[in-house]
PDB file of N, CA and C in Angstrom:
ATOM      1  N   UNK A   1     -61.825-119.901-147.436  1.00  0.00           N
ATOM      2  CA  UNK A   1     -60.491-119.699-148.057  1.00  0.00           C
ATOM      3  C   UNK A   1     -59.455-119.718-146.957  1.00  0.00           C
ATOM      4  N   UNK A   2     -58.472-120.556-147.218  1.00  0.00           N
ATOM      5  CA  UNK A   2     -57.323-120.595-146.190  1.00  0.00           C
ATOM      6  C   UNK A   2     -56.320-119.462-146.562  1.00  0.00           C
ATOM      7  N   UNK A   3     -55.702-118.984-145.542  1.00  0.00           N
ATOM      8  CA  UNK A   3     -54.706-117.841-145.735  1.00  0.00           C
ATOM      9  C   UNK A   3     -53.460-118.384-146.421  1.00  0.00           C
ATOM     10  N   UNK A   4     -53.040-117.649-147.401  1.00  0.00           N
ATOM     11  CA  UNK A   4     -51.814-118.018-148.028  1.00  0.00           C
ATOM     12  C   UNK A   4     -50.577-117.777-147.162  1.00  0.00           C
ATOM     13  N   UNK A   5     -49.414-118.415-147.342  1.00  0.00           N
ATOM     14  CA  UNK A   5     -48.240-118.078-146.699  1.00  0.00           C
ATOM     15  C   UNK A   5     -47.287-117.715-147.799  1.00  0.00           C
ATOM     16  N   UNK A   6     -46.074-117.006-147.311  1.00  0.00           N
ATOM     17  CA  UNK A   6     -45.149-116.547-148.211  1.00  0.00           C
ATOM     18  C   UNK A   6     -44.435-117.802-148.816  1.00  0.00           C
ATOM     19  N   UNK A   7     -44.501-117.714-150.150  1.00  0.00           N
ATOM     20  CA  UNK A   7     -43.929-118.776-151.030  1.00  0.00           C
ATOM     21  C   UNK A   7     -42.635-118.554-151.753  1.00  0.00           C
ATOM     22  N   UNK A   8     -41.989-117.516-151.454  1.00  0.00           N
ATOM     23  CA  UNK A   8     -40.792-117.086-152.177  1.00  0.00           C
ATOM     24  C   UNK A   8     -39.431-117.780-151.764  1.00  0.00           C
ATOM     25  N   UNK A   9     -39.375-118.480-150.681  1.00  0.00           N
ATOM     26  CA  UNK A   9     -38.149-119.107-150.260  1.00  0.00           C
ATOM     27  C   UNK A   9     -37.610-120.089-151.279  1.00  0.00           C
ATOM     28  N   UNK A  10     -38.438-120.745-152.086  1.00  0.00           N
ATOM     29  CA  UNK A  10     -37.856-121.692-152.972  1.00  0.00           C
ATOM     30  C   UNK A  10     -37.816-121.019-154.411  1.00  0.00           C
ATOM     31  N   UNK A  11     -38.012-119.785-154.541  1.00  0.00           N
ATOM     32  CA  UNK A  11     -37.943-119.021-155.904  1.00  0.00           C
ATOM     33  C   UNK A  11     -36.593-119.162-156.561  1.00  0.00           C
ATOM     34  N   UNK A  12     -36.548-119.300-157.838  1.00  0.00           N
ATOM     35  CA  UNK A  12     -35.194-119.368-158.566  1.00  0.00           C
ATOM     36  C   UNK A  12     -34.704-117.990-158.692  1.00  0.00           C
ATOM     37  N   UNK A  13     -35.405-116.866-158.352  1.00  0.00           N
ATOM     38  CA  UNK A  13     -35.018-115.562-158.362  1.00  0.00           C
ATOM     39  C   UNK A  13     -34.291-115.112-157.148  1.00  0.00           C
ATOM     40  N   UNK A  14     -33.053-114.665-157.127  1.00  0.00           N
ATOM     41  CA  UNK A  14     -32.426-114.107-155.897  1.00  0.00           C
ATOM     42  C   UNK A  14     -33.238-112.954-155.396  1.00  0.00           C
ATOM     43  N   UNK A  15     -33.728-112.008-156.292  1.00  0.00           N
ATOM     44  CA  UNK A  15     -34.527-110.918-155.806  1.00  0.00           C
ATOM     45  C   UNK A  15     -35.705-111.306-155.008  1.00  0.00           C
ATOM     46  N   UNK A  16     -36.423-112.357-155.645  1.00  0.00           N
ATOM     47  CA  UNK A  16     -37.682-112.758-154.812  1.00  0.00           C
ATOM     48  C   UNK A  16     -37.378-113.456-153.500  1.00  0.00           C
ATOM     49  N   UNK A  17     -36.265-114.194-153.571  1.00  0.00           N
ATOM     50  CA  UNK A  17     -35.864-114.856-152.252  1.00  0.00           C
ATOM     51  C   UNK A  17     -35.527-113.783-151.210  1.00  0.00           C
ATOM     52  N   UNK A  18     -35.134-112.532-151.547  1.00  0.00           N
ATOM     53  CA  UNK A  18     -34.883-111.508-150.605  1.00  0.00           C
ATOM     54  C   UNK A  18     -36.149-111.136-149.828  1.00  0.00           C
ATOM     55  N   UNK A  19     -37.373-111.419-150.356  1.00  0.00           N
ATOM     56  CA  UNK A  19     -38.650-111.162-149.807  1.00  0.00           C
ATOM     57  C   UNK A  19     -39.248-112.320-149.028  1.00  0.00           C
ATOM     58  N   UNK A  20     -38.513-113.415-148.978  1.00  0.00           N
ATOM     59  CA  UNK A  20     -39.092-114.683-148.396  1.00  0.00           C
ATOM     60  C   UNK A  20     -39.435-114.522-146.906  1.00  0.00           C
ATOM     61  N   UNK A  21     -38.732-113.621-146.207  1.00  0.00           N
ATOM     62  CA  UNK A  21     -39.100-113.476-144.728  1.00  0.00           C
ATOM     63  C   UNK A  21     -40.016-112.343-144.441  1.00  0.00           C
ATOM     64  N   UNK A  22     -40.501-111.633-145.546  1.00  0.00           N
ATOM     65  CA  UNK A  22     -41.412-110.480-145.345  1.00  0.00           C
ATOM     66  C   UNK A  22     -42.760-111.181-144.630  1.00  0.00           C
ATOM     67  N   UNK A  23     -43.445-110.334-143.786  1.00  0.00           N
ATOM     68  CA  UNK A  23     -44.713-110.877-143.205  1.00  0.00           C
ATOM     69  C   UNK A  23     -45.849-110.816-144.251  1.00  0.00           C
ATOM     70  N   UNK A  24     -45.489-110.656-145.485  1.00  0.00           N
ATOM     71  CA  UNK A  24     -46.580-110.637-146.614  1.00  0.00           C
ATOM     72  C   UNK A  24     -46.595-111.926-147.201  1.00  0.00           C
ATOM     73  N   UNK A  25     -47.750-112.542-147.430  1.00  0.00           N
ATOM     74  CA  UNK A  25     -47.914-113.936-148.095  1.00  0.00           C
ATOM     75  C   UNK A  25     -47.627-113.777-149.574  1.00  0.00           C
ATOM     76  N   UNK A  26     -46.423-113.479-149.970  1.00  0.00           N
ATOM     77  CA  UNK A  26     -46.062-113.346-151.351  1.00  0.00           C
ATOM     78  C   UNK A  26     -46.236-114.650-152.060  1.00  0.00           C
ATOM     79  N   UNK A  27     -46.752-114.526-153.361  1.00  0.00           N
ATOM     80  CA  UNK A  27     -46.756-115.581-154.362  1.00  0.00           C
ATOM     81  C   UNK A  27     -46.052-115.152-155.537  1.00  0.00           C
ATOM     82  N   UNK A  28     -45.560-116.149-156.294  1.00  0.00           N
ATOM     83  CA  UNK A  28     -44.968-115.724-157.578  1.00  0.00           C
ATOM     84  C   UNK A  28     -46.140-115.679-158.540  1.00  0.00           C
ATOM     85  N   UNK A  29     -45.869-114.881-159.670  1.00  0.00           N
ATOM     86  CA  UNK A  29     -46.756-114.713-160.712  1.00  0.00           C
ATOM     87  C   UNK A  29     -46.855-116.093-161.500  1.00  0.00           C
ATOM     88  N   UNK A  30     -48.029-116.655-161.548  1.00  0.00           N
ATOM     89  CA  UNK A  30     -48.155-117.933-162.228  1.00  0.00           C
ATOM     90  C   UNK A  30     -49.704-118.176-162.515  1.00  0.00           C
ATOM     91  N   UNK A  31     -49.956-119.107-163.459  1.00  0.00           N
ATOM     92  CA  UNK A  31     -51.372-119.427-163.746  1.00  0.00           C
ATOM     93  C   UNK A  31     -52.067-119.908-162.441  1.00  0.00           C
ATOM     94  N   UNK A  32     -51.294-120.626-161.585  1.00  0.00           N
ATOM     95  CA  UNK A  32     -51.995-121.181-160.431  1.00  0.00           C
ATOM     96  C   UNK A  32     -52.292-120.017-159.364  1.00  0.00           C
ATOM     97  N   UNK A  33     -51.532-119.013-159.345  1.00  0.00           N
ATOM     98  CA  UNK A  33     -51.720-117.872-158.497  1.00  0.00           C
ATOM     99  C   UNK A  33     -52.934-117.114-159.051  1.00  0.00           C
ATOM    100  N   UNK A  34     -52.928-116.905-160.304  1.00  0.00           N
ATOM    101  CA  UNK A  34     -54.029-116.101-160.980  1.00  0.00           C
ATOM    102  C   UNK A  34     -55.327-116.861-160.867  1.00  0.00           C
ATOM    103  N   UNK A  35     -55.408-118.177-160.963  1.00  0.00           N
ATOM    104  CA  UNK A  35     -56.537-118.963-160.729  1.00  0.00           C
ATOM    105  C   UNK A  35     -56.968-118.845-159.305  1.00  0.00           C
ATOM    106  N   UNK A  36     -56.087-118.879-158.322  1.00  0.00           N
ATOM    107  CA  UNK A  36     -56.404-118.834-156.966  1.00  0.00           C
ATOM    108  C   UNK A  36     -57.158-117.493-156.665  1.00  0.00           C
ATOM    109  N   UNK A  37     -56.612-116.419-157.178  1.00  0.00           N
ATOM    110  CA  UNK A  37     -57.257-115.158-157.063  1.00  0.00           C
ATOM    111  C   UNK A  37     -58.656-115.126-157.610  1.00  0.00           C
ATOM    112  N   UNK A  38     -58.765-115.586-158.848  1.00  0.00           N
ATOM    113  CA  UNK A  38     -60.152-115.708-159.432  1.00  0.00           C
ATOM    114  C   UNK A  38     -61.036-116.489-158.661  1.00  0.00           C
ATOM    115  N   UNK A  39     -60.670-117.685-158.290  1.00  0.00           N
ATOM    116  CA  UNK A  39     -61.607-118.679-157.544  1.00  0.00           C
ATOM    117  C   UNK A  39     -62.030-118.035-156.207  1.00  0.00           C
ATOM    118  N   UNK A  40     -61.094-117.287-155.580  1.00  0.00           N
ATOM    119  CA  UNK A  40     -61.321-116.654-154.370  1.00  0.00           C
ATOM    120  C   UNK A  40     -61.911-115.120-154.407  1.00  0.00           C
ATOM    121  N   UNK A  41     -62.253-114.761-155.586  1.00  0.00           N
ATOM    122  CA  UNK A  41     -62.632-113.514-155.805  1.00  0.00           C
ATOM    123  C   UNK A  41     -61.822-112.399-155.031  1.00  0.00           C
ATOM    124  N   UNK A  42     -60.479-112.472-155.281  1.00  0.00           N
ATOM    125  CA  UNK A  42     -59.522-111.526-154.672  1.00  0.00           C
ATOM    126  C   UNK A  42     -58.771-110.736-155.684  1.00  0.00           C
ATOM    127  N   UNK A  43     -58.626-109.530-155.361  1.00  0.00           N
ATOM    128  CA  UNK A  43     -57.806-108.626-156.200  1.00  0.00           C
ATOM    129  C   UNK A  43     -56.253-108.961-155.945  1.00  0.00           C
ATOM    130  N   UNK A  44     -55.539-108.797-157.037  1.00  0.00           N
ATOM    131  CA  UNK A  44     -54.055-108.970-156.898  1.00  0.00           C
ATOM    132  C   UNK A  44     -53.503-107.650-156.427  1.00  0.00           C
ATOM    133  N   UNK A  45     -52.540-107.771-155.417  1.00  0.00           N
ATOM    134  CA  UNK A  45     -51.561-106.670-155.034  1.00  0.00           C
ATOM    135  C   UNK A  45     -50.260-107.119-155.802  1.00  0.00           C
ATOM    136  N   UNK A  46     -49.953-106.474-156.844  1.00  0.00           N
ATOM    137  CA  UNK A  46     -48.765-106.878-157.564  1.00  0.00           C
ATOM    138  C   UNK A  46     -47.663-105.861-157.525  1.00  0.00           C
ATOM    139  N   UNK A  47     -46.561-106.317-157.097  1.00  0.00           N
ATOM    140  CA  UNK A  47     -45.375-105.560-156.796  1.00  0.00           C
ATOM    141  C   UNK A  47     -44.224-106.078-157.726  1.00  0.00           C
ATOM    142  N   UNK A  48     -43.701-105.219-158.590  1.00  0.00           N
ATOM    143  CA  UNK A  48     -42.623-105.519-159.581  1.00  0.00           C
ATOM    144  C   UNK A  48     -41.407-104.722-159.208  1.00  0.00           C
ATOM    145  N   UNK A  49     -40.295-105.403-159.167  1.00  0.00           N
ATOM    146  CA  UNK A  49     -38.995-104.717-158.894  1.00  0.00           C
ATOM    147  C   UNK A  49     -37.911-105.533-159.405  1.00  0.00           C
ATOM    148  N   UNK A  50     -36.693-105.227-159.001  1.00  0.00           N
ATOM    149  CA  UNK A  50     -35.435-105.890-159.392  1.00  0.00           C
ATOM    150  C   UNK A  50     -34.379-105.603-158.400  1.00  0.00           C
ATOM    151  N   UNK A  51     -33.406-106.495-158.420  1.00  0.00           N
ATOM    152  CA  UNK A  51     -32.324-106.497-157.393  1.00  0.00           C
ATOM    153  C   UNK A  51     -31.576-105.222-157.289  1.00  0.00           C
ATOM    154  N   UNK A  52     -31.325-104.551-158.399  1.00  0.00           N
ATOM    155  CA  UNK A  52     -30.460-103.342-158.450  1.00  0.00           C
ATOM    156  C   UNK A  52     -31.216-102.073-158.280  1.00  0.00           C
ATOM    157  N   UNK A  53     -32.525-102.204-157.955  1.00  0.00           N
ATOM    158  CA  UNK A  53     -33.424-101.005-157.787  1.00  0.00           C
ATOM    159  C   UNK A  53     -33.258-100.470-156.388  1.00  0.00           C
ATOM    160  N   UNK A  54     -32.809 -99.307-156.224  1.00  0.00           N
ATOM    161  CA  UNK A  54     -32.572 -98.774-154.823  1.00  0.00           C
ATOM    162  C   UNK A  54     -33.888 -98.608-154.203  1.00  0.00           C
ATOM    163  N   UNK A  55     -34.916 -97.972-154.875  1.00  0.00           N
ATOM    164  CA  UNK A  55     -36.335 -97.732-154.369  1.00  0.00           C
ATOM    165  C   UNK A  55     -37.018 -98.945-153.954  1.00  0.00           C
ATOM    166  N   UNK A  56     -36.733 -99.947-154.796  1.00  0.00           N
ATOM    167  CA  UNK A  56     -37.355-101.336-154.414  1.00  0.00           C
ATOM    168  C   UNK A  56     -36.936-101.679-153.054  1.00  0.00           C
ATOM    169  N   UNK A  57     -35.714-101.603-152.724  1.00  0.00           N
ATOM    170  CA  UNK A  57     -35.220-101.984-151.406  1.00  0.00           C
ATOM    171  C   UNK A  57     -35.624-101.053-150.256  1.00  0.00           C
ATOM    172  N   UNK A  58     -35.947 -99.716-150.629  1.00  0.00           N
ATOM    173  CA  UNK A  58     -36.387 -98.825-149.676  1.00  0.00           C
ATOM    174  C   UNK A  58     -37.871 -99.225-149.386  1.00  0.00           C
ATOM    175  N   UNK A  59     -38.618 -99.402-150.403  1.00  0.00           N
ATOM    176  CA  UNK A  59     -40.014 -99.848-150.175  1.00  0.00           C
ATOM    177  C   UNK A  59     -40.101-101.105-149.439  1.00  0.00           C
ATOM    178  N   UNK A  60     -39.218-102.118-149.644  1.00  0.00           N
ATOM    179  CA  UNK A  60     -39.200-103.425-148.913  1.00  0.00           C
ATOM    180  C   UNK A  60     -39.000-103.097-147.515  1.00  0.00           C
ATOM    181  N   UNK A  61     -38.100-102.271-147.219  1.00  0.00           N
ATOM    182  CA  UNK A  61     -37.699-101.983-145.776  1.00  0.00           C
ATOM    183  C   UNK A  61     -38.735-101.151-145.033  1.00  0.00           C
ATOM    184  N   UNK A  62     -39.297-100.237-145.733  1.00  0.00           N
ATOM    185  CA  UNK A  62     -40.273 -99.296-145.149  1.00  0.00           C
ATOM    186  C   UNK A  62     -41.709 -99.836-145.091  1.00  0.00           C
ATOM    187  N   UNK A  63     -42.079-100.747-145.972  1.00  0.00           N
ATOM    188  CA  UNK A  63     -43.393-101.196-146.013  1.00  0.00           C
ATOM    189  C   UNK A  63     -43.552-102.713-145.948  1.00  0.00           C
ATOM    190  N   UNK A  64     -42.832-103.467-146.635  1.00  0.00           N
ATOM    191  CA  UNK A  64     -42.928-104.908-146.714  1.00  0.00           C
ATOM    192  C   UNK A  64     -42.387-105.621-145.560  1.00  0.00           C
ATOM    193  N   UNK A  65     -41.682-105.061-144.733  1.00  0.00           N
ATOM    194  CA  UNK A  65     -41.146-105.657-143.473  1.00  0.00           C
ATOM    195  C   UNK A  65     -42.094-105.383-142.320  1.00  0.00           C
ATOM    196  N   UNK A  66     -43.186-104.567-142.531  1.00  0.00           N
ATOM    197  CA  UNK A  66     -43.990-104.184-141.444  1.00  0.00           C
ATOM    198  C   UNK A  66     -45.131-105.204-141.260  1.00  0.00           C
ATOM    199  N   UNK A  67     -45.262-105.675-140.003  1.00  0.00           N
ATOM    200  CA  UNK A  67     -46.274-106.751-139.686  1.00  0.00           C
ATOM    201  C   UNK A  67     -47.670-106.322-139.968  1.00  0.00           C
ATOM    202  N   UNK A  68     -47.987-105.065-139.606  1.00  0.00           N
ATOM    203  CA  UNK A  68     -49.419-104.609-139.888  1.00  0.00           C
ATOM    204  C   UNK A  68     -49.781-104.527-141.299  1.00  0.00           C
ATOM    205  N   UNK A  69     -48.739-103.935-142.081  1.00  0.00           N
ATOM    206  CA  UNK A  69     -48.975-103.937-143.527  1.00  0.00           C
ATOM    207  C   UNK A  69     -49.208-105.302-144.145  1.00  0.00           C
ATOM    208  N   UNK A  70     -48.328-106.204-143.607  1.00  0.00           N
ATOM    209  CA  UNK A  70     -48.339-107.605-144.070  1.00  0.00           C
ATOM    210  C   UNK A  70     -49.687-108.271-143.850  1.00  0.00           C
ATOM    211  N   UNK A  71     -50.219-108.125-142.670  1.00  0.00           N
ATOM    212  CA  UNK A  71     -51.500-108.538-142.225  1.00  0.00           C
ATOM    213  C   UNK A  71     -52.639-108.007-143.102  1.00  0.00           C
ATOM    214  N   UNK A  72     -52.613-106.748-143.206  1.00  0.00           N
ATOM    215  CA  UNK A  72     -53.599-106.114-144.108  1.00  0.00           C
ATOM    216  C   UNK A  72     -53.623-106.658-145.576  1.00  0.00           C
ATOM    217  N   UNK A  73     -52.501-106.580-146.097  1.00  0.00           N
ATOM    218  CA  UNK A  73     -52.343-107.028-147.473  1.00  0.00           C
ATOM    219  C   UNK A  73     -52.793-108.496-147.678  1.00  0.00           C
ATOM    220  N   UNK A  74     -52.270-109.372-146.753  1.00  0.00           N
ATOM    221  CA  UNK A  74     -52.682-110.805-146.783  1.00  0.00           C
ATOM    222  C   UNK A  74     -54.202-111.050-146.476  1.00  0.00           C
ATOM    223  N   UNK A  75     -54.898-110.189-145.784  1.00  0.00           N
ATOM    224  CA  UNK A  75     -56.224-110.316-145.498  1.00  0.00           C
ATOM    225  C   UNK A  75     -57.101-109.954-146.676  1.00  0.00           C
ATOM    226  N   UNK A  76     -56.644-108.993-147.473  1.00  0.00           N
ATOM    227  CA  UNK A  76     -57.518-108.380-148.506  1.00  0.00           C
ATOM    228  C   UNK A  76     -57.151-108.678-149.902  1.00  0.00           C
ATOM    229  N   UNK A  77     -55.892-109.102-150.129  1.00  0.00           N
ATOM    230  CA  UNK A  77     -55.350-109.382-151.507  1.00  0.00           C
ATOM    231  C   UNK A  77     -54.613-110.679-151.717  1.00  0.00           C
ATOM    232  N   UNK A  78     -54.445-111.120-152.891  1.00  0.00           N
ATOM    233  CA  UNK A  78     -53.412-112.112-153.205  1.00  0.00           C
ATOM    234  C   UNK A  78     -52.191-111.291-153.616  1.00  0.00           C
ATOM    235  N   UNK A  79     -51.163-111.432-152.779  1.00  0.00           N
ATOM    236  CA  UNK A  79     -49.902-110.570-153.025  1.00  0.00           C
ATOM    237  C   UNK A  79     -48.977-111.320-153.877  1.00  0.00           C
ATOM    238  N   UNK A  80     -48.583-110.620-154.942  1.00  0.00           N
ATOM    239  CA  UNK A  80     -47.768-111.261-155.979  1.00  0.00           C
ATOM    240  C   UNK A  80     -46.481-110.510-156.157  1.00  0.00           C
ATOM    241  N   UNK A  81     -45.338-110.983-156.059  1.00  0.00           N
ATOM    242  CA  UNK A  81     -44.034-110.304-156.200  1.00  0.00           C
ATOM    243  C   UNK A  81     -43.413-110.813-157.513  1.00  0.00           C
ATOM    244  N   UNK A  82     -42.961-109.919-158.308  1.00  0.00           N
ATOM    245  CA  UNK A  82     -42.374-110.219-159.606  1.00  0.00           C
ATOM    246  C   UNK A  82     -40.979-109.565-159.761  1.00  0.00           C
ATOM    247  N   UNK A  83     -40.038-110.445-160.178  1.00  0.00           N
ATOM    248  CA  UNK A  83     -38.688-109.929-160.556  1.00  0.00           C
ATOM    249  C   UNK A  83     -38.847-109.626-161.980  1.00  0.00           C
ATOM    250  N   UNK A  84     -38.642-108.319-162.384  1.00  0.00           N
ATOM    251  CA  UNK A  84     -38.834-107.810-163.734  1.00  0.00           C
ATOM    252  C   UNK A  84     -37.662-108.382-164.601  1.00  0.00           C
ATOM    253  N   UNK A  85     -36.522-108.768-164.062  1.00  0.00           N
ATOM    254  CA  UNK A  85     -35.489-109.352-164.836  1.00  0.00           C
ATOM    255  C   UNK A  85     -35.829-110.845-165.188  1.00  0.00           C
ATOM    256  N   UNK A  86     -36.502-111.475-164.414  1.00  0.00           N
ATOM    257  CA  UNK A  86     -36.941-112.906-164.578  1.00  0.00           C
ATOM    258  C   UNK A  86     -38.271-112.908-165.458  1.00  0.00           C
ATOM    259  N   UNK A  87     -39.161-111.906-165.304  1.00  0.00           N
ATOM    260  CA  UNK A  87     -40.426-111.933-166.039  1.00  0.00           C
ATOM    261  C   UNK A  87     -40.579-110.560-166.700  1.00  0.00           C
ATOM    262  N   UNK A  88     -39.803-110.281-167.770  1.00  0.00           N
ATOM    263  CA  UNK A  88     -39.904-108.992-168.427  1.00  0.00           C
ATOM    264  C   UNK A  88     -41.271-108.933-169.169  1.00  0.00           C
ATOM    265  N   UNK A  89     -41.904-110.107-169.511  1.00  0.00           N
ATOM    266  CA  UNK A  89     -43.181-110.027-170.139  1.00  0.00           C
ATOM    267  C   UNK A  89     -44.352-109.476-169.200  1.00  0.00           C
ATOM    268  N   UNK A  90     -44.254-109.899-167.968  1.00  0.00           N
ATOM    269  CA  UNK A  90     -45.272-109.449-166.909  1.00  0.00           C
ATOM    270  C   UNK A  90     -44.984-107.984-166.633  1.00  0.00           C
ATOM    271  N   UNK A  91     -43.602-107.584-166.513  1.00  0.00           N
ATOM    272  CA  UNK A  91     -43.272-106.215-166.287  1.00  0.00           C
ATOM    273  C   UNK A  91     -43.849-105.312-167.377  1.00  0.00           C
ATOM    274  N   UNK A  92     -43.499-105.655-168.699  1.00  0.00           N
ATOM    275  CA  UNK A  92     -43.924-104.893-169.821  1.00  0.00           C
ATOM    276  C   UNK A  92     -45.474-104.747-169.842  1.00  0.00           C
ATOM    277  N   UNK A  93     -46.215-105.746-169.558  1.00  0.00           N
ATOM    278  CA  UNK A  93     -47.666-105.720-169.523  1.00  0.00           C
ATOM    279  C   UNK A  93     -48.195-104.682-168.559  1.00  0.00           C
ATOM    280  N   UNK A  94     -47.740-104.834-167.341  1.00  0.00           N
ATOM    281  CA  UNK A  94     -48.203-103.827-166.309  1.00  0.00           C
ATOM    282  C   UNK A  94     -47.670-102.507-166.465  1.00  0.00           C
ATOM    283  N   UNK A  95     -46.428-102.293-166.840  1.00  0.00           N
ATOM    284  CA  UNK A  95     -45.727-101.000-166.957  1.00  0.00           C
ATOM    285  C   UNK A  95     -46.501-100.307-168.131  1.00  0.00           C
ATOM    286  N   UNK A  96     -46.765-100.986-169.190  1.00  0.00           N
ATOM    287  CA  UNK A  96     -47.575-100.273-170.246  1.00  0.00           C
ATOM    288  C   UNK A  96     -48.985 -99.907-169.741  1.00  0.00           C
ATOM    289  N   UNK A  97     -49.598-100.698-168.998  1.00  0.00           N
ATOM    290  CA  UNK A  97     -50.839-100.315-168.480  1.00  0.00           C
ATOM    291  C   UNK A  97     -50.755 -99.000-167.525  1.00  0.00           C
ATOM    292  N   UNK A  98     -49.836 -99.031-166.681  1.00  0.00           N
ATOM    293  CA  UNK A  98     -49.614 -97.889-165.709  1.00  0.00           C
ATOM    294  C   UNK A  98     -49.282 -96.633-166.493  1.00  0.00           C
ATOM    295  N   UNK A  99     -48.345 -96.777-167.503  1.00  0.00           N
ATOM    296  CA  UNK A  99     -47.965 -95.595-168.334  1.00  0.00           C
ATOM    297  C   UNK A  99     -49.156 -95.068-169.033  1.00  0.00           C
ATOM    298  N   UNK A 100     -49.931 -95.912-169.639  1.00  0.00           N
ATOM    299  CA  UNK A 100     -51.086 -95.562-170.496  1.00  0.00           C
ATOM    300  C   UNK A 100     -52.203 -94.878-169.695  1.00  0.00           C
ATOM    301  N   UNK A 101     -52.366 -95.329-168.345  1.00  0.00           N
ATOM    302  CA  UNK A 101     -53.464 -94.868-167.515  1.00  0.00           C
ATOM    303  C   UNK A 101     -53.039 -93.666-166.674  1.00  0.00           C
ATOM    304  N   UNK A 102     -51.727 -93.507-166.402  1.00  0.00           N
ATOM    305  CA  UNK A 102     -51.324 -92.474-165.462  1.00  0.00           C
ATOM    306  C   UNK A 102     -50.368 -91.429-166.107  1.00  0.00           C
ATOM    307  N   UNK A 103     -49.778 -91.880-167.225  1.00  0.00           N
ATOM    308  CA  UNK A 103     -48.758 -90.979-167.862  1.00  0.00           C
ATOM    309  C   UNK A 103     -47.252 -91.167-167.462  1.00  0.00           C
ATOM    310  N   UNK A 104     -47.095 -91.926-166.446  1.00  0.00           N
ATOM    311  CA  UNK A 104     -45.749 -92.247-165.964  1.00  0.00           C
ATOM    312  C   UNK A 104     -45.655 -93.589-165.372  1.00  0.00           C
ATOM    313  N   UNK A 105     -44.403 -93.994-165.061  1.00  0.00           N
ATOM    314  CA  UNK A 105     -44.302 -95.308-164.342  1.00  0.00           C
ATOM    315  C   UNK A 105     -42.811 -95.567-164.011  1.00  0.00           C
ATOM    316  N   UNK A 106     -42.563 -96.427-163.060  1.00  0.00           N
ATOM    317  CA  UNK A 106     -41.218 -96.570-162.624  1.00  0.00           C
ATOM    318  C   UNK A 106     -41.225 -97.707-161.568  1.00  0.00           C
ATOM    319  N   UNK A 107     -40.049 -97.976-161.049  1.00  0.00           N
ATOM    320  CA  UNK A 107     -39.908 -99.167-160.058  1.00  0.00           C
ATOM    321  C   UNK A 107     -39.613 -98.671-158.692  1.00  0.00           C
ATOM    322  N   UNK A 108     -40.143 -99.215-157.712  1.00  0.00           N
ATOM    323  CA  UNK A 108     -41.026-100.402-157.789  1.00  0.00           C
ATOM    324  C   UNK A 108     -42.331-100.029-158.346  1.00  0.00           C
ATOM    325  N   UNK A 109     -42.915-101.027-159.056  1.00  0.00           N
ATOM    326  CA  UNK A 109     -44.199-100.756-159.742  1.00  0.00           C
ATOM    327  C   UNK A 109     -45.202-101.616-158.910  1.00  0.00           C
ATOM    328  N   UNK A 110     -46.216-100.808-158.460  1.00  0.00           N
ATOM    329  CA  UNK A 110     -47.337-101.507-157.767  1.00  0.00           C
ATOM    330  C   UNK A 110     -48.639-101.352-158.361  1.00  0.00           C
ATOM    331  N   UNK A 111     -49.309-102.406-158.642  1.00  0.00           N
ATOM    332  CA  UNK A 111     -50.620-102.487-159.433  1.00  0.00           C
ATOM    333  C   UNK A 111     -51.556-103.291-158.698  1.00  0.00           C
ATOM    334  N   UNK A 112     -52.852-102.815-158.558  1.00  0.00           N
ATOM    335  CA  UNK A 112     -53.969-103.617-158.163  1.00  0.00           C
ATOM    336  C   UNK A 112     -54.642-104.068-159.375  1.00  0.00           C
ATOM    337  N   UNK A 113     -54.739-105.467-159.508  1.00  0.00           N
ATOM    338  CA  UNK A 113     -55.239-105.986-160.755  1.00  0.00           C
ATOM    339  C   UNK A 113     -56.318-107.071-160.358  1.00  0.00           C
TER     340      UNK A 113
END
């Protein structure tokens, strides 16, 4: 399996484009990305946020700009970044799952799937 590279530079979402220079090989949520994960037997590292979310920006700065974290995530997962304002369907699906399994939820939302 070849290592993925960060694919957010061409995203239509301004929020996702903010993560285009992260050392994490972010992918957008798509059938192609899900199929890649299935084919390569990789778990998704799913991060859902939005532009006005203060804690999303804090997490981006403290974690997603870190080279070691980026290397680890890229080596072990298919990393998917979701703009909840662009994909409310995906946000609703995973937020419902997290709330039902943990009793709470918020953003940034991180799910291993």
